[in-house]
């Protein structure tokens, strides 16, 4: 899988990497059990700090998309659900767009709750 980041984007570099992994799982480019590039190698190829990649991997681990194995690397979880990842991506896009409009997280939650009750 080819990773690309845009340093001029308003989206953090770590988030850009995380989004690409999630998108790869949704599209089928990354399958359960696939190994992600070592953080050091990916950082070098993207010309970013290794800690940026580690932040992306930590976010993906917390979202239960990948698992980190000590000394062996990061792997797409066997139970990484494409549907959940897709919804997570949509939520991230919603948050990004809403923040550009000056909405707070509370505003967004209220909008979602109103939409769910319609």
Protein backbone atom coordinates (compact mmCIF):
# COMPACT_ATOMS: atom_id res chain seq x y z
CA UNK A 1 0.00 0.00 0.00
CA UNK A 2 1.29 3.44 -0.93
CA UNK A 3 1.06 6.13 1.75
CA UNK A 4 1.03 9.82 0.88
CA UNK A 5 0.82 12.83 3.21
CA UNK A 6 0.21 16.50 2.50
CA UNK A 7 2.12 18.75 4.88
CA UNK A 8 -0.01 21.73 3.84
CA UNK A 9 -3.28 20.04 4.83
CA UNK A 10 -5.21 21.16 7.89
CA UNK A 11 -5.48 17.47 8.83
CA UNK A 12 -2.57 16.31 10.99
CA UNK A 13 0.01 14.04 9.40
CA UNK A 14 -0.78 11.28 11.89
CA UNK A 15 -4.49 11.50 11.06
CA UNK A 16 -3.71 11.39 7.34
CA UNK A 17 -1.81 8.14 7.86
CA UNK A 18 -4.58 6.68 10.04
CA UNK A 19 -7.23 7.62 7.46
CA UNK A 20 -5.26 5.88 4.72
CA UNK A 21 -5.02 2.67 6.75
CA UNK A 22 -8.75 2.75 7.53
CA UNK A 23 -9.51 3.42 3.88
CA UNK A 24 -7.26 0.54 2.88
CA UNK A 25 -9.22 -1.81 5.13
CA UNK A 26 -12.56 -0.53 3.80
CA UNK A 27 -11.45 -0.90 0.17
CA UNK A 28 -9.91 -4.31 0.74
CA UNK A 29 -6.39 -3.15 -0.12
CA UNK A 30 -5.47 -4.08 3.47
CA UNK A 31 -6.81 -7.37 4.71
CA UNK A 32 -7.03 -8.82 8.21
CA UNK A 33 -3.59 -10.08 9.21
CA UNK A 34 -1.71 -7.79 6.82
CA UNK A 35 1.41 -6.23 8.32
CA UNK A 36 1.80 -2.47 8.19
CA UNK A 37 5.20 -0.98 7.40
CA UNK A 38 7.49 -0.56 10.40
CA UNK A 39 7.05 2.94 11.85
CA UNK A 40 10.66 3.87 11.21
CA UNK A 41 10.50 2.80 7.55
CA UNK A 42 7.18 4.53 6.90
CA UNK A 43 8.39 7.72 8.58
CA UNK A 44 11.53 7.73 6.45
CA UNK A 45 9.60 7.19 3.20
CA UNK A 46 7.10 9.95 4.06
CA UNK A 47 9.77 12.32 5.42
CA UNK A 48 7.96 12.65 8.76
CA UNK A 49 8.99 12.06 12.34
CA UNK A 50 8.71 8.44 13.50
CA UNK A 51 6.54 9.60 16.42
CA UNK A 52 3.99 10.87 13.90
CA UNK A 53 3.62 7.36 12.51
CA UNK A 54 3.52 5.92 16.02
CA UNK A 55 0.70 8.36 16.89
CA UNK A 56 -1.25 7.16 13.85
CA UNK A 57 -0.65 3.53 14.80
CA UNK A 58 -1.68 4.22 18.40
CA UNK A 59 -4.93 5.81 17.20
CA UNK A 60 -5.61 2.81 14.97
CA UNK A 61 -4.85 0.46 17.85
CA UNK A 62 -7.22 2.37 20.13
CA UNK A 63 -9.90 2.20 17.44
CA UNK A 64 -9.30 -1.58 17.25
CA UNK A 65 -8.27 -1.47 13.59
CA UNK A 66 -4.75 -2.78 14.15
CA UNK A 67 -2.87 -4.66 16.82
CA UNK A 68 0.69 -3.98 17.82
CA UNK A 69 2.88 -6.98 18.59
CA UNK A 70 5.98 -6.29 20.62
CA UNK A 71 9.02 -6.69 18.41
CA UNK A 72 6.94 -7.88 15.44
CA UNK A 73 5.13 -4.78 14.22
CA UNK A 74 1.62 -3.61 13.50
CA UNK A 75 -0.99 -5.82 11.87
CA UNK A 76 -4.56 -5.30 10.68
CA UNK A 77 -6.77 -7.01 13.25
CA UNK A 78 -8.50 -10.19 12.21
CA UNK A 79 -11.80 -8.67 13.33
CA UNK A 80 -11.28 -5.22 11.80
CA UNK A 81 -14.77 -4.51 10.51
CA UNK A 82 -14.97 -2.56 7.29
CA UNK A 83 -18.41 -1.21 8.21
CA UNK A 84 -17.26 0.22 11.51
CA UNK A 85 -14.19 1.69 9.90
CA UNK A 86 -16.35 3.32 7.22
CA UNK A 87 -18.61 4.87 9.85
CA UNK A 88 -15.54 6.05 11.80
CA UNK A 89 -14.24 7.74 8.65
CA UNK A 90 -17.60 9.43 8.06
CA UNK A 91 -17.63 10.66 11.66
CA UNK A 92 -14.10 12.06 11.27
CA UNK A 93 -15.13 13.84 8.07
CA UNK A 94 -18.23 15.23 9.81
CA UNK A 95 -16.13 16.55 12.70
CA UNK A 96 -13.62 18.13 10.33
CA UNK A 97 -16.29 19.88 8.25
CA UNK A 98 -18.28 20.98 11.30
CA UNK A 99 -15.21 22.48 12.95
CA UNK A 100 -14.49 24.46 9.79
CA UNK A 101 -17.94 25.99 10.30
CA UNK A 102 -17.14 26.81 13.92
CA UNK A 103 -19.38 24.16 15.46
CA UNK A 104 -18.41 22.61 18.79
CA UNK A 105 -18.56 18.94 19.61
CA UNK A 106 -21.72 19.62 21.66
CA UNK A 107 -23.31 21.32 18.63
CA UNK A 108 -22.51 18.30 16.49
CA UNK A 109 -23.90 15.85 19.04
CA UNK A 110 -27.14 17.87 19.22
CA UNK A 111 -27.40 17.86 15.42
CA UNK A 112 -26.89 14.09 15.28
CA UNK A 113 -29.43 13.49 18.04
CA UNK A 114 -31.99 15.67 16.25
CA UNK A 115 -31.33 13.88 12.97
CA UNK A 116 -31.72 10.49 14.61
CA UNK A 117 -35.09 11.46 16.02
CA UNK A 118 -36.50 12.83 12.77
